[in-house]
Every structure is written in structure tokens, then in C-alpha cells.
Amino acid sequence: MVNHRVLSYLLLALSLLPGNSCAYIDPGTGSMLFQLVIAASVGVMFLIKSKVKNLISGIQKALSKSDDG
């Protein structure tokens, strides 16, 4: 049998969910969100690129030290 507390919480949660929403994103907000996504993507790509370069540089330094002696 279902616990009555769980059932009441479930019914409360379902009653708080919105029905049909008539919201929209205006062009200003849409372009701002688009710019945010593009900037975040470029930032992540730059971060990955710099970390990869640092990793490769560290590996090359470690290999050159081991070759020297």
C-alpha cells in the first residue's frame, strides 16, 4: 500500500506544476541567450586548448630532461 505521506507530497507537487504556459522569449532576450551560449562555448574551447598546450609542453619538458641524463 502506498504511504499516505508520499502520496500527499506527490499530489502537492503535481498541483504546483504550471498548466499551459503562454510565455515567449522576446528577440532581445533570445539574442542575449544566444550570445551567452556562443561566449561560453568559445571560452570552454580556449580553456581546453590552453590546458592541452600546457600538458604537451610539460610532457616535452619531462621527455627532454630524461633524455639529457
N, C-alpha and C. Protein backbone atom coordinates (compact mmCIF):
# COMPACT_ATOMS: atom_id res chain seq x y z
N MET A 1 0.83 -1.17 0.00
CA MET A 1 0.00 0.00 0.00
C MET A 1 0.88 1.25 0.00
N VAL A 2 0.46 2.27 -0.70
CA VAL A 2 1.23 3.49 -0.84
C VAL A 2 1.17 4.29 0.46
N ASN A 3 2.31 4.78 0.86
CA ASN A 3 2.38 5.60 2.05
C ASN A 3 1.59 6.89 1.80
N HIS A 4 0.74 7.26 2.74
CA HIS A 4 -0.12 8.44 2.57
C HIS A 4 0.69 9.73 2.51
N ARG A 5 1.81 9.79 3.22
CA ARG A 5 2.66 10.99 3.20
C ARG A 5 3.27 11.18 1.81
N VAL A 6 3.75 10.10 1.23
CA VAL A 6 4.34 10.17 -0.11
C VAL A 6 3.28 10.59 -1.12
N LEU A 7 2.10 10.02 -0.99
CA LEU A 7 1.01 10.36 -1.90
C LEU A 7 0.61 11.83 -1.77
N SER A 8 0.57 12.34 -0.55
CA SER A 8 0.20 13.75 -0.37
C SER A 8 1.28 14.68 -0.92
N TYR A 9 2.56 14.31 -0.74
CA TYR A 9 3.63 15.13 -1.33
C TYR A 9 3.58 15.10 -2.85
N LEU A 10 3.28 13.96 -3.40
CA LEU A 10 3.17 13.83 -4.85
C LEU A 10 2.02 14.68 -5.38
N LEU A 11 0.89 14.64 -4.72
CA LEU A 11 -0.25 15.46 -5.15
C LEU A 11 0.04 16.95 -5.00
N LEU A 12 0.74 17.31 -3.94
CA LEU A 12 1.12 18.72 -3.76
C LEU A 12 2.06 19.17 -4.86
N ALA A 13 3.03 18.34 -5.19
CA ALA A 13 3.99 18.70 -6.25
C ALA A 13 3.28 18.82 -7.59
N LEU A 14 2.37 17.92 -7.88
CA LEU A 14 1.65 17.97 -9.14
C LEU A 14 0.73 19.18 -9.22
N SER A 15 0.20 19.61 -8.09
CA SER A 15 -0.68 20.77 -8.11
C SER A 15 0.10 22.07 -8.30
N LEU A 16 1.39 22.05 -7.97
CA LEU A 16 2.20 23.26 -8.13
C LEU A 16 2.77 23.40 -9.54
N LEU A 17 2.71 22.34 -10.33
CA LEU A 17 3.21 22.42 -11.70
C LEU A 17 2.29 23.31 -12.53
N PRO A 18 2.88 24.14 -13.39
CA PRO A 18 2.03 25.01 -14.21
C PRO A 18 1.31 24.22 -15.29
N GLY A 19 0.19 24.74 -15.68
CA GLY A 19 -0.57 24.15 -16.78
C GLY A 19 0.00 24.64 -18.10
N ASN A 20 -0.84 25.08 -18.98
CA ASN A 20 -0.40 25.65 -20.24
C ASN A 20 0.25 27.00 -19.99
N SER A 21 1.42 27.17 -20.53
CA SER A 21 2.14 28.42 -20.35
C SER A 21 2.13 29.19 -21.66
N CYS A 22 1.82 30.46 -21.59
CA CYS A 22 1.78 31.31 -22.77
C CYS A 22 2.97 32.27 -22.78
N ALA A 23 4.10 31.80 -22.31
CA ALA A 23 5.29 32.64 -22.24
C ALA A 23 6.03 32.60 -23.57
N TYR A 24 6.85 33.60 -23.80
CA TYR A 24 7.66 33.66 -25.00
C TYR A 24 8.98 34.33 -24.65
N ILE A 25 9.94 34.17 -25.52
CA ILE A 25 11.22 34.85 -25.36
C ILE A 25 11.27 35.95 -26.42
N ASP A 26 11.37 37.18 -25.96
CA ASP A 26 11.41 38.28 -26.92
C ASP A 26 12.77 38.29 -27.63
N PRO A 27 12.87 38.99 -28.76
CA PRO A 27 14.11 38.96 -29.54
C PRO A 27 15.35 39.43 -28.76
N GLY A 28 15.18 40.42 -27.88
CA GLY A 28 16.33 40.89 -27.11
C GLY A 28 16.87 39.83 -26.18
N THR A 29 15.98 39.15 -25.49
CA THR A 29 16.39 38.09 -24.58
C THR A 29 16.93 36.90 -25.35
N GLY A 30 16.32 36.58 -26.47
CA GLY A 30 16.80 35.47 -27.28
C GLY A 30 18.21 35.70 -27.79
N SER A 31 18.49 36.92 -28.26
CA SER A 31 19.83 37.20 -28.76
C SER A 31 20.84 37.23 -27.61
N MET A 32 20.41 37.67 -26.43
CA MET A 32 21.31 37.68 -25.28
C MET A 32 21.65 36.24 -24.87
N LEU A 33 20.66 35.36 -24.87
CA LEU A 33 20.93 33.96 -24.55
C LEU A 33 21.81 33.31 -25.59
N PHE A 34 21.58 33.63 -26.87
CA PHE A 34 22.40 33.10 -27.95
C PHE A 34 23.85 33.57 -27.77
N GLN A 35 24.05 34.84 -27.45
CA GLN A 35 25.39 35.38 -27.24
C GLN A 35 26.06 34.71 -26.04
N LEU A 36 25.30 34.44 -25.00
CA LEU A 36 25.83 33.77 -23.82
C LEU A 36 26.32 32.36 -24.16
N VAL A 37 25.54 31.64 -24.95
CA VAL A 37 25.91 30.28 -25.34
C VAL A 37 27.17 30.30 -26.20
N ILE A 38 27.24 31.23 -27.14
CA ILE A 38 28.42 31.33 -28.01
C ILE A 38 29.66 31.69 -27.19
N ALA A 39 29.54 32.66 -26.29
CA ALA A 39 30.68 33.09 -25.48
C ALA A 39 31.15 31.96 -24.57
N ALA A 40 30.22 31.24 -23.98
CA ALA A 40 30.60 30.12 -23.12
C ALA A 40 31.30 29.03 -23.92
N SER A 41 30.82 28.76 -25.13
CA SER A 41 31.44 27.74 -25.98
C SER A 41 32.86 28.13 -26.36
N VAL A 42 33.05 29.38 -26.74
CA VAL A 42 34.39 29.85 -27.11
C VAL A 42 35.31 29.81 -25.90
N GLY A 43 34.80 30.19 -24.74
CA GLY A 43 35.60 30.16 -23.52
C GLY A 43 36.04 28.75 -23.16
N VAL A 44 35.14 27.79 -23.28
CA VAL A 44 35.47 26.40 -22.98
C VAL A 44 36.50 25.88 -23.98
N MET A 45 36.34 26.23 -25.26
CA MET A 45 37.32 25.79 -26.26
C MET A 45 38.69 26.38 -25.98
N PHE A 46 38.75 27.65 -25.58
CA PHE A 46 40.04 28.28 -25.25
C PHE A 46 40.66 27.61 -24.03
N LEU A 47 39.85 27.31 -23.03
CA LEU A 47 40.36 26.65 -21.83
C LEU A 47 40.94 25.29 -22.16
N ILE A 48 40.22 24.51 -22.96
CA ILE A 48 40.70 23.18 -23.34
C ILE A 48 41.99 23.30 -24.15
N LYS A 49 42.03 24.26 -25.06
CA LYS A 49 43.22 24.44 -25.89
C LYS A 49 44.43 24.79 -25.03
N SER A 50 44.27 25.70 -24.08
CA SER A 50 45.40 26.10 -23.24
C SER A 50 45.84 24.96 -22.33
N LYS A 51 44.90 24.18 -21.81
CA LYS A 51 45.26 23.04 -20.96
C LYS A 51 46.00 21.97 -21.76
N VAL A 52 45.57 21.73 -22.99
CA VAL A 52 46.24 20.74 -23.83
C VAL A 52 47.65 21.21 -24.16
N LYS A 53 47.81 22.51 -24.47
CA LYS A 53 49.15 23.03 -24.75
C LYS A 53 50.05 22.91 -23.54
N ASN A 54 49.52 23.21 -22.34
CA ASN A 54 50.32 23.07 -21.12
C ASN A 54 50.71 21.61 -20.88
N LEU A 55 49.80 20.70 -21.13
CA LEU A 55 50.08 19.28 -20.95
C LEU A 55 51.15 18.82 -21.92
N ILE A 56 51.03 19.21 -23.18
CA ILE A 56 52.03 18.81 -24.18
C ILE A 56 53.38 19.42 -23.84
N SER A 57 53.39 20.67 -23.42
CA SER A 57 54.64 21.32 -23.04
C SER A 57 55.29 20.61 -21.86
N GLY A 58 54.50 20.23 -20.86
CA GLY A 58 55.04 19.52 -19.71
C GLY A 58 55.60 18.16 -20.08
N ILE A 59 54.92 17.46 -20.96
CA ILE A 59 55.40 16.15 -21.41
C ILE A 59 56.70 16.30 -22.18
N GLN A 60 56.78 17.31 -23.04
CA GLN A 60 58.00 17.53 -23.81
C GLN A 60 59.17 17.89 -22.89
N LYS A 61 58.92 18.69 -21.87
CA LYS A 61 59.98 19.03 -20.92
C LYS A 61 60.43 17.81 -20.13
N ALA A 62 59.49 16.99 -19.74
CA ALA A 62 59.84 15.78 -18.98
C ALA A 62 60.65 14.81 -19.85
N LEU A 63 60.26 14.68 -21.11
CA LEU A 63 60.99 13.80 -22.01
C LEU A 63 62.38 14.33 -22.32
N SER A 64 62.51 15.65 -22.47
CA SER A 64 63.83 16.21 -22.78
C SER A 64 64.75 16.11 -21.56
N LYS A 65 64.21 16.20 -20.34
CA LYS A 65 65.04 16.05 -19.14
C LYS A 65 65.51 14.59 -19.00
N SER A 66 64.65 13.64 -19.33
CA SER A 66 65.03 12.24 -19.21
C SER A 66 66.04 11.86 -20.29
N ASP A 67 66.00 12.53 -21.43
CA ASP A 67 66.97 12.26 -22.49
C ASP A 67 68.33 12.84 -22.16
N ASP A 68 68.36 13.98 -21.43
CA ASP A 68 69.61 14.64 -21.11
C ASP A 68 70.41 13.87 -20.05
N GLY A 69 69.76 13.14 -19.25
CA GLY A 69 70.59 12.39 -18.37
C GLY A 69 70.14 12.13 -17.04
